[in-house]
C-alpha atoms as a PDB file:
ATOM      1  CA  UNK A   1      40.891  39.761 -40.178  1.00  0.00           C
ATOM      2  CA  UNK A   2      43.300  37.735 -41.380  1.00  0.00           C
ATOM      3  CA  UNK A   3      46.235  36.573 -39.339  1.00  0.00           C
ATOM      4  CA  UNK A   4      49.610  38.265 -40.938  1.00  0.00           C
ATOM      5  CA  UNK A   5      52.250  37.432 -38.591  1.00  0.00           C
ATOM      6  CA  UNK A   6      51.532  33.714 -38.360  1.00  0.00           C
ATOM      7  CA  UNK A   7      54.509  31.582 -38.913  1.00  0.00           C
ATOM      8  CA  UNK A   8      54.929  27.834 -39.217  1.00  0.00           C
ATOM      9  CA  UNK A   9      52.973  25.032 -37.341  1.00  0.00           C
ATOM     10  CA  UNK A  10      51.267  27.858 -36.021  1.00  0.00           C
ATOM     11  CA  UNK A  11      54.154  29.551 -34.226  1.00  0.00           C
ATOM     12  CA  UNK A  12      53.528  33.477 -34.277  1.00  0.00           C
ATOM     13  CA  UNK A  13      51.821  36.461 -32.127  1.00  0.00           C
ATOM     14  CA  UNK A  14      49.413  35.557 -29.953  1.00  0.00           C
ATOM     15  CA  UNK A  15      45.857  36.883 -31.599  1.00  0.00           C
ATOM     16  CA  UNK A  16      45.589  39.964 -29.563  1.00  0.00           C
ATOM     17  CA  UNK A  17      49.355  40.769 -30.531  1.00  0.00           C
ATOM     18  CA  UNK A  18      48.751  39.840 -34.398  1.00  0.00           C
ATOM     19  CA  UNK A  19      45.676  42.102 -34.726  1.00  0.00           C
ATOM     20  CA  UNK A  20      47.483  44.903 -32.916  1.00  0.00           C
ATOM     21  CA  UNK A  21      50.808  44.806 -35.329  1.00  0.00           C
ATOM     22  CA  UNK A  22      48.768  44.285 -38.640  1.00  0.00           C
ATOM     23  CA  UNK A  23      46.572  47.423 -37.211  1.00  0.00           C
ATOM     24  CA  UNK A  24      49.712  49.291 -36.719  1.00  0.00           C
ATOM     25  CA  UNK A  25      51.661  48.035 -39.851  1.00  0.00           C
ATOM     26  CA  UNK A  26      48.380  49.354 -41.800  1.00  0.00           C
ATOM     27  CA  UNK A  27      48.846  52.812 -40.054  1.00  0.00           C
ATOM     28  CA  UNK A  28      52.394  53.018 -40.836  1.00  0.00           C
ATOM     29  CA  UNK A  29      51.399  52.537 -44.510  1.00  0.00           C
ATOM     30  CA  UNK A  30      49.099  55.476 -44.525  1.00  0.00           C
ATOM     31  CA  UNK A  31      51.834  57.400 -42.614  1.00  0.00           C
ATOM     32  CA  UNK A  32      54.255  56.824 -45.375  1.00  0.00           C
ATOM     33  CA  UNK A  33      52.221  57.578 -48.203  1.00  0.00           C
ATOM     34  CA  UNK A  34      51.216  60.867 -46.679  1.00  0.00           C
ATOM     35  CA  UNK A  35      55.031  61.989 -45.803  1.00  0.00           C
ATOM     36  CA  UNK A  36      56.218  60.762 -48.652  1.00  0.00           C
ATOM     37  CA  UNK A  37      53.940  63.876 -50.869  1.00  0.00           C
ATOM     38  CA  UNK A  38      56.057  65.767 -53.510  1.00  0.00           C
ATOM     39  CA  UNK A  39      56.959  69.142 -51.939  1.00  0.00           C
ATOM     40  CA  UNK A  40      55.775  70.787 -54.831  1.00  0.00           C
ATOM     41  CA  UNK A  41      52.090  69.196 -54.744  1.00  0.00           C
ATOM     42  CA  UNK A  42      52.412  70.348 -51.281  1.00  0.00           C
ATOM     43  CA  UNK A  43      53.251  73.950 -51.795  1.00  0.00           C
ATOM     44  CA  UNK A  44      50.058  74.083 -54.441  1.00  0.00           C
ATOM     45  CA  UNK A  45      47.806  73.067 -52.092  1.00  0.00           C
ATOM     46  CA  UNK A  46      48.805  75.789 -49.178  1.00  0.00           C
ATOM     47  CA  UNK A  47      47.173  79.308 -49.234  1.00  0.00           C
ATOM     48  CA  UNK A  48      49.738  81.749 -51.079  1.00  0.00           C
ATOM     49  CA  UNK A  49      48.395  84.177 -47.862  1.00  0.00           C
ATOM     50  CA  UNK A  50      49.817  81.506 -45.597  1.00  0.00           C
ATOM     51  CA  UNK A  51      53.081  81.459 -47.986  1.00  0.00           C
ATOM     52  CA  UNK A  52      53.747  84.635 -48.141  1.00  0.00           C
ATOM     53  CA  UNK A  53      55.802  85.059 -45.091  1.00  0.00           C
ATOM     54  CA  UNK A  54      57.768  82.392 -46.034  1.00  0.00           C
ATOM     55  CA  UNK A  55      58.309  83.635 -49.884  1.00  0.00           C
ATOM     56  CA  UNK A  56      59.762  86.484 -48.295  1.00  0.00           C
ATOM     57  CA  UNK A  57      62.618  85.312 -46.577  1.00  0.00           C
ATOM     58  CA  UNK A  58      64.896  86.292 -49.678  1.00  0.00           C
ATOM     59  CA  UNK A  59      67.712  84.543 -47.515  1.00  0.00           C
ATOM     60  CA  UNK A  60      65.936  80.969 -47.328  1.00  0.00           C
ATOM     61  CA  UNK A  61      64.920  81.058 -51.200  1.00  0.00           C
ATOM     62  CA  UNK A  62      68.810  82.138 -52.125  1.00  0.00           C
ATOM     63  CA  UNK A  63      69.733  79.075 -50.769  1.00  0.00           C
ATOM     64  CA  UNK A  64      67.099  76.742 -51.949  1.00  0.00           C
ATOM     65  CA  UNK A  65      67.955  78.185 -55.359  1.00  0.00           C
ATOM     66  CA  UNK A  66      72.090  77.897 -54.967  1.00  0.00           C
ATOM     67  CA  UNK A  67      71.755  74.667 -53.395  1.00  0.00           C
ATOM     68  CA  UNK A  68      68.503  72.953 -53.995  1.00  0.00           C
ATOM     69  CA  UNK A  69      69.130  68.916 -55.264  1.00  0.00           C
ATOM     70  CA  UNK A  70      65.104  68.988 -56.237  1.00  0.00           C
ATOM     71  CA  UNK A  71      65.136  70.637 -59.350  1.00  0.00           C
ATOM     72  CA  UNK A  72      61.391  70.424 -59.934  1.00  0.00           C
ATOM     73  CA  UNK A  73      61.059  72.698 -56.204  1.00  0.00           C
ATOM     74  CA  UNK A  74      63.410  74.834 -57.311  1.00  0.00           C
ATOM     75  CA  UNK A  75      61.927  75.568 -60.660  1.00  0.00           C
ATOM     76  CA  UNK A  76      58.819  75.629 -59.048  1.00  0.00           C
ATOM     77  CA  UNK A  77      59.677  78.423 -56.489  1.00  0.00           C
ATOM     78  CA  UNK A  78      61.936  80.580 -59.247  1.00  0.00           C
ATOM     79  CA  UNK A  79      58.775  80.652 -61.351  1.00  0.00           C
ATOM     80  CA  UNK A  80      56.139  81.263 -58.502  1.00  0.00           C
ATOM     81  CA  UNK A  81      58.032  83.331 -56.433  1.00  0.00           C
END
């Protein structure tokens, strides 16, 4: 595994720490990819049966329609529920 954290003149983390930190950095990148998924894409993937209870909360939907700043999400909700 290539050392990611070595500095000039071989000054850096000890190898075992460098390996752990590199694995942690890769894990954080994967988590970031998952977490930064578009909400509309998430809603499209969830079963409608699962979402029915949420969509019955008219006050929540009305709040999103009135105050939502993500026009893609607002449009999706207005057109589908």
